[in-house]
Amino acid sequence: MLRATSVIVPPDVRLDEPSLAITLPREERYRRRVRWMTDCGRAFLLDLPETTYLPSGSGLVGEDGEIIVVRAASEDLLRITTSDPLHLMRIAWHIGNRHTPAEITDEAIYILPDHVLAEMVVGLGGEVVPVSRPFEPEGGAYGGHGSLDRGHHHHGTHDHSHEHH
């Protein structure tokens, strides 16, 4: 069985036509060790030294040098738009204040379906439309690119002497 032990990220992944690929939703792209199947049905073991976020376009490097390209799967999302960029930035601030994963583009913000946030956005004058597309949210100030919100919040003082899991 192929064993992938390292990750390369764009632009280091330079393949004209990848022989192997795996398509995964965002939540499945934060891993250390797991047995997976490529899109064409080939089994492999992802065996990384630490839990790593696998952005779309990254490559999982096998012990033999073979590369499996990671692709982001289409997911159900909410597309948020406004009539002007300043209004969209204000809505982005409110979404960020709720610590929810969000992908920000020039013309829209994408979030996972959440009726409470959708109602808030509409109340702030934004438009919300359900869409299906790959999701690459911002990593956050401290979490690195694409970090997942695991519901680990602290209020008040914060003791950094413990590990987060």
Protein backbone atom coordinates (compact mmCIF):
# COMPACT_ATOMS: atom_id res chain seq x y z
CA MET A 1 0.00 0.00 0.00
CA LEU A 2 1.24 3.48 -0.86
CA ARG A 3 2.28 5.47 2.23
CA ALA A 4 2.30 9.29 1.98
CA THR A 5 4.64 10.80 4.57
CA SER A 6 4.99 14.46 3.58
CA VAL A 7 3.07 17.34 2.03
CA ILE A 8 4.10 19.88 -0.56
CA VAL A 9 1.98 22.95 -1.19
CA PRO A 10 1.46 25.12 -4.24
CA PRO A 11 3.46 26.38 -6.05
CA ASP A 12 5.81 23.46 -5.27
CA VAL A 13 3.28 21.00 -6.73
CA ARG A 14 4.21 21.09 -10.41
CA LEU A 15 2.43 18.35 -12.27
CA ASP A 16 1.16 18.56 -15.81
CA GLU A 17 -1.23 15.66 -15.30
CA PRO A 18 -1.36 14.13 -11.82
CA SER A 19 -1.68 10.38 -11.88
CA LEU A 20 -3.46 10.29 -8.52
CA ALA A 21 -5.84 12.69 -6.79
CA ILE A 22 -8.11 12.73 -3.77
CA THR A 23 -11.13 15.03 -3.44
CA LEU A 24 -12.09 15.95 0.12
CA PRO A 25 -14.32 18.44 1.94
CA ARG A 26 -12.60 20.99 4.19
CA GLU A 27 -13.15 19.11 7.45
CA GLU A 28 -11.47 15.99 6.05
CA ARG A 29 -8.39 17.97 4.98
CA TYR A 30 -7.05 18.42 8.53
CA ARG A 31 -5.30 15.13 9.30
CA ARG A 32 -2.20 13.34 10.51
CA ARG A 33 -2.82 9.64 9.98
CA VAL A 34 -5.67 8.02 8.08
CA ARG A 35 -6.28 5.35 5.46
CA TRP A 36 -7.87 6.86 2.36
CA MET A 37 -8.78 5.94 -1.21
CA THR A 38 -7.80 8.08 -4.17
CA ASP A 39 -10.50 9.22 -6.58
CA CYS A 40 -9.63 6.26 -8.83
CA GLY A 41 -9.93 3.75 -5.95
CA ARG A 42 -6.30 3.17 -4.94
CA ALA A 43 -5.83 2.72 -1.18
CA PHE A 44 -3.10 4.64 0.59
CA LEU A 45 -2.03 5.57 4.10
CA LEU A 46 -1.51 9.21 5.02
CA ASP A 47 1.14 9.08 7.75
CA LEU A 48 2.38 12.57 8.62
CA PRO A 49 4.53 13.53 11.62
CA GLU A 50 1.86 15.95 12.88
CA THR A 51 -1.71 17.01 12.15
CA THR A 52 -1.61 19.16 9.02
CA TYR A 53 -4.12 21.15 6.99
CA LEU A 54 -4.14 20.00 3.36
CA PRO A 55 -5.13 22.92 1.12
CA SER A 56 -6.57 22.27 -2.30
CA GLY A 57 -3.72 21.84 -4.76
CA SER A 58 -1.27 20.44 -2.22
CA GLY A 59 0.50 17.17 -2.90
CA LEU A 60 0.82 14.14 -0.64
CA VAL A 61 4.24 12.65 -1.31
CA GLY A 62 4.59 8.88 -1.14
CA GLU A 63 7.72 7.14 0.08
CA ASP A 64 8.43 6.24 -3.55
CA GLY A 65 8.08 9.89 -4.67
CA GLU A 66 4.62 9.44 -6.15
CA ILE A 67 2.35 12.44 -5.56
CA ILE A 68 -1.36 12.43 -4.77
CA VAL A 69 -2.91 15.83 -5.46
CA VAL A 70 -5.49 17.07 -2.94
CA ARG A 71 -8.61 18.68 -4.40
CA ALA A 72 -11.30 20.52 -2.46
CA ALA A 73 -14.73 18.91 -2.81
CA SER A 74 -17.79 21.00 -3.53
CA GLU A 75 -19.69 21.75 -0.34
CA ASP A 76 -22.99 23.38 0.48
CA LEU A 77 -22.20 26.99 1.42
CA LEU A 78 -23.85 30.36 1.76
CA ARG A 79 -22.66 33.10 -0.62
CA ILE A 80 -22.89 36.56 0.92
CA THR A 81 -22.83 39.66 -1.27
CA THR A 82 -23.59 43.36 -0.91
CA SER A 83 -23.96 46.36 -3.19
CA ASP A 84 -20.51 47.77 -2.34
CA PRO A 85 -17.13 46.58 -0.96
CA LEU A 86 -17.29 48.64 2.26
CA HIS A 87 -20.63 47.07 3.18
CA LEU A 88 -19.16 43.60 2.50
CA MET A 89 -16.18 44.41 4.77
CA ARG A 90 -18.55 45.42 7.57
CA ILE A 91 -20.43 42.14 7.25
CA ALA A 92 -17.08 40.27 7.19
CA TRP A 93 -16.24 41.95 10.51
CA HIS A 94 -19.50 40.71 12.06
CA ILE A 95 -18.92 37.17 10.74
CA GLY A 96 -15.34 37.20 12.05
CA ASN A 97 -16.59 38.38 15.42
CA ARG A 98 -18.48 35.07 15.62
CA HIS A 99 -15.34 32.99 14.91
CA THR A 100 -16.92 31.10 12.04
CA PRO A 101 -14.83 29.81 9.12
CA ALA A 102 -15.20 32.14 6.13
CA GLU A 103 -13.71 32.34 2.66
CA ILE A 104 -13.36 35.91 1.47
CA THR A 105 -13.13 36.81 -2.21
CA ASP A 106 -13.24 40.14 -4.07
CA GLU A 107 -16.99 39.92 -4.53
CA ALA A 108 -18.37 37.60 -1.84
CA ILE A 109 -17.95 35.87 1.50
CA TYR A 110 -18.62 32.14 1.74
CA ILE A 111 -19.62 30.42 4.98
CA LEU A 112 -21.02 27.05 5.98
CA PRO A 113 -24.83 26.99 6.19
CA ASP A 114 -25.99 28.66 9.39
CA HIS A 115 -29.50 30.10 9.60
CA VAL A 116 -28.61 32.42 12.50
CA LEU A 117 -25.71 33.99 10.58
CA ALA A 118 -27.82 34.16 7.41
CA GLU A 119 -30.52 36.09 9.29
CA MET A 120 -27.87 38.41 10.76
CA VAL A 121 -26.42 39.11 7.29
CA VAL A 122 -29.86 39.86 5.84
CA GLY A 123 -30.56 42.12 8.83
CA LEU A 124 -27.33 43.99 8.03
CA GLY A 125 -28.49 44.49 4.42
CA GLY A 126 -26.55 41.69 2.75
CA GLU A 127 -27.82 39.09 0.32
CA VAL A 128 -27.48 35.37 1.10
CA VAL A 129 -27.70 32.66 -1.57
CA PRO A 130 -27.05 28.93 -1.10
CA VAL A 131 -24.32 27.61 -3.43
CA SER A 132 -22.21 24.50 -3.88
CA ARG A 133 -18.46 25.02 -4.42
CA PRO A 134 -15.07 24.11 -2.93
CA PHE A 135 -14.41 25.83 0.42
CA GLU A 136 -11.01 27.30 1.39
CA PRO A 137 -11.66 29.49 4.44
CA GLU A 138 -9.20 31.98 5.86
CA GLY A 139 -6.87 30.49 8.47
CA GLY A 140 -7.33 33.11 11.13
CA ALA A 141 -4.77 35.23 12.92
CA TYR A 142 -3.36 32.39 15.02
CA GLY A 143 -4.58 29.15 13.48
CA GLY A 144 -2.68 29.04 10.21
CA HIS A 145 -4.29 28.64 6.80
CA GLY A 146 -7.57 26.77 6.88
CA SER A 147 -7.52 25.93 10.58
CA LEU A 148 -10.71 24.37 11.78
CA ASP A 149 -12.92 25.83 14.45
CA ARG A 150 -13.23 22.92 16.83
CA GLY A 151 -15.39 24.75 19.35
CA HIS A 152 -12.38 25.39 21.61
CA HIS A 153 -13.11 28.88 22.94
CA HIS A 154 -11.88 30.57 26.09
CA HIS A 155 -13.19 33.67 27.77
CA GLY A 156 -11.21 35.76 30.22
CA THR A 157 -7.67 34.74 31.06
CA HIS A 158 -5.95 32.17 28.91
CA ASP A 159 -3.30 29.78 30.17
CA HIS A 160 -0.92 28.86 27.33
CA SER A 161 0.87 26.19 29.37
CA HIS A 162 -1.46 23.46 28.05
CA GLU A 163 -1.70 21.92 24.58
CA HIS A 164 -4.71 22.36 22.29
CA HIS A 165 -5.97 19.17 20.64
